[in-house]
């Protein structure tokens, strides 16, 4: 998955960021309404979000140079 993320352009990375934020929002809603959730997946998605944001920033810096 990580290799695929590195090859995405900035627009697709931004779309992935939005998708992961939606997933995390769904988990927060489930937590608030006491629905069963897989808490380890929250951590996984948070790490993935930070990873994608980092790659996005690296690509922005590359394009400015």
N, C-alpha and C. Protein backbone atom coordinates (compact mmCIF):
# COMPACT_ATOMS: atom_id res chain seq x y z
N UNK A 1 0.83 -1.20 0.00
CA UNK A 1 0.00 0.00 0.00
C UNK A 1 0.87 1.25 0.00
N UNK A 2 1.93 1.23 0.78
CA UNK A 2 2.78 2.41 0.90
C UNK A 2 3.42 2.77 -0.44
N UNK A 3 3.82 1.76 -1.24
CA UNK A 3 4.40 2.04 -2.55
C UNK A 3 3.39 2.69 -3.46
N UNK A 4 2.15 2.27 -3.37
CA UNK A 4 1.10 2.85 -4.20
C UNK A 4 0.85 4.31 -3.82
N UNK A 5 0.91 4.61 -2.56
CA UNK A 5 0.67 5.98 -2.09
C UNK A 5 1.76 6.92 -2.60
N UNK A 6 2.99 6.45 -2.62
CA UNK A 6 4.09 7.29 -3.08
C UNK A 6 3.94 7.69 -4.54
N UNK A 7 3.23 6.89 -5.32
CA UNK A 7 3.09 7.16 -6.75
C UNK A 7 1.89 8.04 -7.09
N UNK A 8 1.04 8.32 -6.12
CA UNK A 8 -0.15 9.13 -6.38
C UNK A 8 0.21 10.61 -6.52
N UNK A 9 -0.57 11.32 -7.33
CA UNK A 9 -0.35 12.76 -7.44
C UNK A 9 -1.05 13.48 -6.28
N UNK A 10 -0.83 14.77 -6.18
CA UNK A 10 -1.30 15.54 -5.02
C UNK A 10 -2.82 15.51 -4.91
N UNK A 11 -3.52 15.60 -6.03
CA UNK A 11 -4.99 15.59 -5.98
C UNK A 11 -5.53 14.28 -5.43
N UNK A 12 -4.93 13.18 -5.86
CA UNK A 12 -5.38 11.86 -5.37
C UNK A 12 -5.02 11.67 -3.90
N UNK A 13 -3.88 12.21 -3.50
CA UNK A 13 -3.51 12.15 -2.09
C UNK A 13 -4.52 12.93 -1.24
N UNK A 14 -4.93 14.09 -1.74
CA UNK A 14 -5.91 14.88 -1.01
C UNK A 14 -7.24 14.13 -0.91
N UNK A 15 -7.60 13.41 -1.96
CA UNK A 15 -8.83 12.62 -1.93
C UNK A 15 -8.72 11.48 -0.91
N UNK A 16 -7.55 10.86 -0.84
CA UNK A 16 -7.33 9.80 0.16
C UNK A 16 -7.43 10.37 1.57
N UNK A 17 -6.89 11.56 1.77
CA UNK A 17 -6.97 12.22 3.08
C UNK A 17 -8.42 12.44 3.47
N UNK A 18 -9.22 12.91 2.53
CA UNK A 18 -10.64 13.13 2.81
C UNK A 18 -11.33 11.81 3.14
N UNK A 19 -11.03 10.76 2.39
CA UNK A 19 -11.65 9.46 2.64
C UNK A 19 -11.32 8.93 4.03
N UNK A 20 -10.06 9.04 4.43
CA UNK A 20 -9.66 8.54 5.74
C UNK A 20 -10.29 9.38 6.84
N UNK A 21 -10.39 10.69 6.63
CA UNK A 21 -11.04 11.54 7.63
C UNK A 21 -12.50 11.16 7.79
N UNK A 22 -13.17 10.79 6.70
CA UNK A 22 -14.56 10.33 6.77
C UNK A 22 -14.67 9.03 7.56
N UNK A 23 -13.74 8.13 7.32
CA UNK A 23 -13.73 6.86 8.05
C UNK A 23 -13.53 7.11 9.54
N UNK A 24 -12.59 7.99 9.89
CA UNK A 24 -12.35 8.30 11.30
C UNK A 24 -13.56 8.97 11.93
N UNK A 25 -14.26 9.81 11.18
CA UNK A 25 -15.48 10.42 11.69
C UNK A 25 -16.53 9.36 11.99
N UNK A 26 -16.67 8.40 11.08
CA UNK A 26 -17.62 7.31 11.31
C UNK A 26 -17.28 6.54 12.59
N UNK A 27 -15.99 6.30 12.82
CA UNK A 27 -15.58 5.61 14.04
C UNK A 27 -15.90 6.43 15.28
N UNK A 28 -15.70 7.75 15.20
CA UNK A 28 -16.02 8.60 16.35
C UNK A 28 -17.52 8.59 16.64
N UNK A 29 -18.33 8.59 15.59
CA UNK A 29 -19.78 8.54 15.78
C UNK A 29 -20.17 7.20 16.41
N UNK A 30 -19.58 6.12 15.92
CA UNK A 30 -19.88 4.80 16.50
C UNK A 30 -19.46 4.74 17.96
N UNK A 31 -18.31 5.33 18.28
CA UNK A 31 -17.86 5.36 19.67
C UNK A 31 -18.83 6.14 20.54
N UNK A 32 -19.28 7.26 20.05
CA UNK A 32 -20.17 8.13 20.82
C UNK A 32 -21.53 7.48 21.05
N UNK A 33 -21.97 6.66 20.11
CA UNK A 33 -23.27 6.01 20.24
C UNK A 33 -23.15 4.60 20.82
N UNK A 34 -21.98 4.28 21.35
CA UNK A 34 -21.73 3.00 22.02
C UNK A 34 -21.92 1.79 21.11
N UNK A 35 -21.70 1.97 19.83
CA UNK A 35 -21.74 0.84 18.91
C UNK A 35 -20.40 0.12 18.95
N UNK A 36 -20.38 -1.17 18.67
CA UNK A 36 -19.10 -1.89 18.70
C UNK A 36 -18.17 -1.43 17.57
N UNK A 37 -16.93 -1.22 17.92
CA UNK A 37 -15.92 -0.81 16.94
C UNK A 37 -14.66 -1.62 17.16
N UNK A 38 -13.81 -1.61 16.17
CA UNK A 38 -12.50 -2.24 16.28
C UNK A 38 -11.50 -1.12 16.55
N UNK A 39 -11.14 -0.97 17.79
CA UNK A 39 -10.32 0.18 18.18
C UNK A 39 -8.94 0.16 17.54
N UNK A 40 -8.43 -1.02 17.21
CA UNK A 40 -7.11 -1.07 16.56
C UNK A 40 -7.15 -0.45 15.17
N UNK A 41 -8.31 -0.44 14.54
CA UNK A 41 -8.42 0.16 13.21
C UNK A 41 -8.34 1.68 13.27
N UNK A 42 -8.80 2.27 14.37
CA UNK A 42 -8.69 3.73 14.52
C UNK A 42 -7.22 4.13 14.49
N UNK A 43 -6.41 3.40 15.24
CA UNK A 43 -4.98 3.69 15.28
C UNK A 43 -4.35 3.49 13.89
N UNK A 44 -4.77 2.44 13.20
CA UNK A 44 -4.24 2.15 11.87
C UNK A 44 -4.57 3.29 10.90
N UNK A 45 -5.81 3.77 10.93
CA UNK A 45 -6.21 4.84 10.02
C UNK A 45 -5.54 6.16 10.37
N UNK A 46 -5.33 6.42 11.65
CA UNK A 46 -4.63 7.65 12.04
C UNK A 46 -3.20 7.65 11.52
N UNK A 47 -2.53 6.51 11.64
CA UNK A 47 -1.16 6.41 11.13
C UNK A 47 -1.12 6.56 9.62
N UNK A 48 -2.08 5.95 8.96
CA UNK A 48 -2.15 6.06 7.50
C UNK A 48 -2.40 7.51 7.07
N UNK A 49 -3.24 8.21 7.81
CA UNK A 49 -3.53 9.61 7.52
C UNK A 49 -2.25 10.45 7.62
N UNK A 50 -1.51 10.27 8.68
CA UNK A 50 -0.27 11.03 8.87
C UNK A 50 0.74 10.68 7.78
N UNK A 51 0.80 9.41 7.41
CA UNK A 51 1.72 8.97 6.36
C UNK A 51 1.38 9.66 5.03
N UNK A 52 0.11 9.72 4.70
CA UNK A 52 -0.31 10.33 3.44
C UNK A 52 -0.06 11.84 3.46
N UNK A 53 -0.33 12.48 4.58
CA UNK A 53 -0.08 13.92 4.69
C UNK A 53 1.40 14.21 4.53
N UNK A 54 2.25 13.38 5.09
CA UNK A 54 3.69 13.56 4.97
C UNK A 54 4.13 13.43 3.51
N UNK A 55 3.62 12.43 2.83
CA UNK A 55 3.96 12.24 1.42
C UNK A 55 3.46 13.42 0.59
N UNK A 56 2.28 13.91 0.91
CA UNK A 56 1.75 15.08 0.20
C UNK A 56 2.67 16.29 0.37
N UNK A 57 3.12 16.53 1.58
CA UNK A 57 4.01 17.67 1.84
C UNK A 57 5.34 17.49 1.11
N UNK A 58 5.85 16.27 1.07
CA UNK A 58 7.09 16.02 0.35
C UNK A 58 6.94 16.32 -1.13
N UNK A 59 5.80 15.93 -1.70
CA UNK A 59 5.57 16.19 -3.12
C UNK A 59 5.41 17.68 -3.40
N UNK A 60 4.77 18.39 -2.49
CA UNK A 60 4.62 19.84 -2.66
C UNK A 60 5.99 20.51 -2.63
N UNK A 61 6.84 20.10 -1.72
CA UNK A 61 8.19 20.66 -1.63
C UNK A 61 8.98 20.35 -2.90
N UNK A 62 8.87 19.12 -3.40
CA UNK A 62 9.56 18.74 -4.63
C UNK A 62 9.10 19.59 -5.81
N UNK A 63 7.80 19.81 -5.90
CA UNK A 63 7.27 20.56 -7.04
C UNK A 63 7.66 22.04 -6.99
N UNK A 64 7.92 22.56 -5.80
CA UNK A 64 8.32 23.96 -5.67
C UNK A 64 9.79 24.18 -6.00
N UNK A 65 10.58 23.12 -5.97
CA UNK A 65 12.01 23.26 -6.26
C UNK A 65 12.29 23.13 -7.70
